[in-house]
Amino acid sequence: MKTLLTLVAASALLLTAASAAKKYPLGYCVVTDNELGSMGKVITKVYDGQEIKFCCKPCVKKFEKNPAKYLAKLP
């Protein structure tokens, strides 16, 4: 029971953090400039309080190698 309560509390924290993130302002992938959804399901991550959307899974890895480069594209 204690484990279940811990999981519920952790889930609530994650949901709160995601909802508090600044919304992603672009209609395209911050890495490739492809239109969101053009490569399948859009992938959404939160990085340092900013929601980031990607067109595909490989873009997440590229972003994580140099986040500052891509965050500079955001208005």
C-alpha atoms as a PDB file:
ATOM      1  CA  MET A   1       0.000   0.000   0.000  1.00  0.00           C
ATOM      2  CA  LYS A   2       2.854   2.351   0.858  1.00  0.00           C
ATOM      3  CA  THR A   3       4.404   1.740  -2.585  1.00  0.00           C
ATOM      4  CA  LEU A   4       1.109   2.570  -4.274  1.00  0.00           C
ATOM      5  CA  LEU A   5       0.847   5.848  -2.366  1.00  0.00           C
ATOM      6  CA  THR A   6       4.419   6.715  -3.316  1.00  0.00           C
ATOM      7  CA  LEU A   7       3.653   6.044  -6.988  1.00  0.00           C
ATOM      8  CA  VAL A   8       0.522   8.180  -6.827  1.00  0.00           C
ATOM      9  CA  ALA A   9       2.433  11.039  -5.193  1.00  0.00           C
ATOM     10  CA  ALA A  10       5.231  10.827  -7.777  1.00  0.00           C
ATOM     11  CA  SER A  11       2.702  10.832 -10.627  1.00  0.00           C
ATOM     12  CA  ALA A  12       1.006  13.905  -9.182  1.00  0.00           C
ATOM     13  CA  LEU A  13       4.357  15.729  -9.014  1.00  0.00           C
ATOM     14  CA  LEU A  14       5.128  14.886 -12.633  1.00  0.00           C
ATOM     15  CA  LEU A  15       1.720  16.094 -13.793  1.00  0.00           C
ATOM     16  CA  THR A  16       2.110  19.321 -11.844  1.00  0.00           C
ATOM     17  CA  ALA A  17       5.559  19.954 -13.323  1.00  0.00           C
ATOM     18  CA  ALA A  18       4.336  19.305 -16.867  1.00  0.00           C
ATOM     19  CA  SER A  19       1.323  21.578 -16.512  1.00  0.00           C
ATOM     20  CA  ALA A  20       3.475  24.375 -15.042  1.00  0.00           C
ATOM     21  CA  ALA A  21       5.869  24.325 -18.022  1.00  0.00           C
ATOM     22  CA  LYS A  22       5.840  27.157 -20.539  1.00  0.00           C
ATOM     23  CA  LYS A  23       3.891  26.096 -23.634  1.00  0.00           C
ATOM     24  CA  TYR A  24       5.769  25.332 -26.831  1.00  0.00           C
ATOM     25  CA  PRO A  25       5.265  28.330 -29.146  1.00  0.00           C
ATOM     26  CA  LEU A  26       6.181  26.812 -32.532  1.00  0.00           C
ATOM     27  CA  GLY A  27       4.235  24.703 -35.035  1.00  0.00           C
ATOM     28  CA  TYR A  28       7.353  22.868 -36.120  1.00  0.00           C
ATOM     29  CA  CYS A  29      10.134  20.732 -34.636  1.00  0.00           C
ATOM     30  CA  VAL A  30      12.808  22.820 -32.931  1.00  0.00           C
ATOM     31  CA  VAL A  31      15.528  20.477 -34.281  1.00  0.00           C
ATOM     32  CA  THR A  32      14.625  19.881 -37.956  1.00  0.00           C
ATOM     33  CA  ASP A  33      12.026  22.588 -38.621  1.00  0.00           C
ATOM     34  CA  ASN A  34       9.669  19.848 -39.872  1.00  0.00           C
ATOM     35  CA  GLU A  35       5.975  20.480 -39.299  1.00  0.00           C
ATOM     36  CA  LEU A  36       4.822  18.804 -36.095  1.00  0.00           C
ATOM     37  CA  GLY A  37       2.974  15.595 -36.913  1.00  0.00           C
ATOM     38  CA  SER A  38       4.637  15.203 -40.315  1.00  0.00           C
ATOM     39  CA  MET A  39       6.803  12.329 -39.075  1.00  0.00           C
ATOM     40  CA  GLY A  40       4.151  10.584 -36.975  1.00  0.00           C
ATOM     41  CA  LYS A  41       3.192  11.141 -33.365  1.00  0.00           C
ATOM     42  CA  VAL A  42       4.554  14.350 -31.835  1.00  0.00           C
ATOM     43  CA  ILE A  43       6.898  13.812 -28.885  1.00  0.00           C
ATOM     44  CA  THR A  44       6.610  16.324 -26.043  1.00  0.00           C
ATOM     45  CA  LYS A  45       9.235  16.777 -23.335  1.00  0.00           C
ATOM     46  CA  VAL A  46       9.775  19.400 -20.645  1.00  0.00           C
ATOM     47  CA  TYR A  47      13.278  20.831 -20.382  1.00  0.00           C
ATOM     48  CA  ASP A  48      14.133  23.325 -17.660  1.00  0.00           C
ATOM     49  CA  GLY A  49      10.498  24.456 -17.336  1.00  0.00           C
ATOM     50  CA  GLN A  50       9.954  24.776 -21.105  1.00  0.00           C
ATOM     51  CA  GLU A  51       7.762  22.398 -23.086  1.00  0.00           C
ATOM     52  CA  ILE A  52       9.581  21.201 -26.227  1.00  0.00           C
ATOM     53  CA  LYS A  53       7.921  19.342 -29.118  1.00  0.00           C
ATOM     54  CA  PHE A  54       9.720  17.081 -31.554  1.00  0.00           C
ATOM     55  CA  CYS A  55       8.690  15.538 -34.875  1.00  0.00           C
ATOM     56  CA  CYS A  56      10.357  12.199 -34.108  1.00  0.00           C
ATOM     57  CA  LYS A  57      12.382  10.258 -31.538  1.00  0.00           C
ATOM     58  CA  PRO A  58      15.839  10.889 -33.119  1.00  0.00           C
ATOM     59  CA  CYS A  59      15.277  14.635 -32.679  1.00  0.00           C
ATOM     60  CA  VAL A  60      15.034  14.192 -28.914  1.00  0.00           C
ATOM     61  CA  LYS A  61      18.546  12.685 -28.878  1.00  0.00           C
ATOM     62  CA  LYS A  62      19.907  15.500 -31.059  1.00  0.00           C
ATOM     63  CA  PHE A  63      18.316  18.083 -28.772  1.00  0.00           C
ATOM     64  CA  GLU A  64      19.750  16.469 -25.651  1.00  0.00           C
ATOM     65  CA  LYS A  65      23.300  16.684 -27.078  1.00  0.00           C
ATOM     66  CA  ASN A  66      23.093  20.491 -27.335  1.00  0.00           C
ATOM     67  CA  PRO A  67      19.890  21.939 -25.792  1.00  0.00           C
ATOM     68  CA  ALA A  68      21.162  25.545 -25.788  1.00  0.00           C
ATOM     69  CA  LYS A  69      21.481  25.512 -29.582  1.00  0.00           C
ATOM     70  CA  TYR A  70      17.821  24.591 -30.028  1.00  0.00           C
ATOM     71  CA  LEU A  71      16.401  26.599 -27.133  1.00  0.00           C
ATOM     72  CA  ALA A  72      17.879  29.700 -28.789  1.00  0.00           C
ATOM     73  CA  LYS A  73      15.348  29.184 -31.624  1.00  0.00           C
ATOM     74  CA  LEU A  74      12.416  29.788 -29.278  1.00  0.00           C
ATOM     75  CA  PRO A  75      10.895  33.268 -29.176  1.00  0.00           C
END
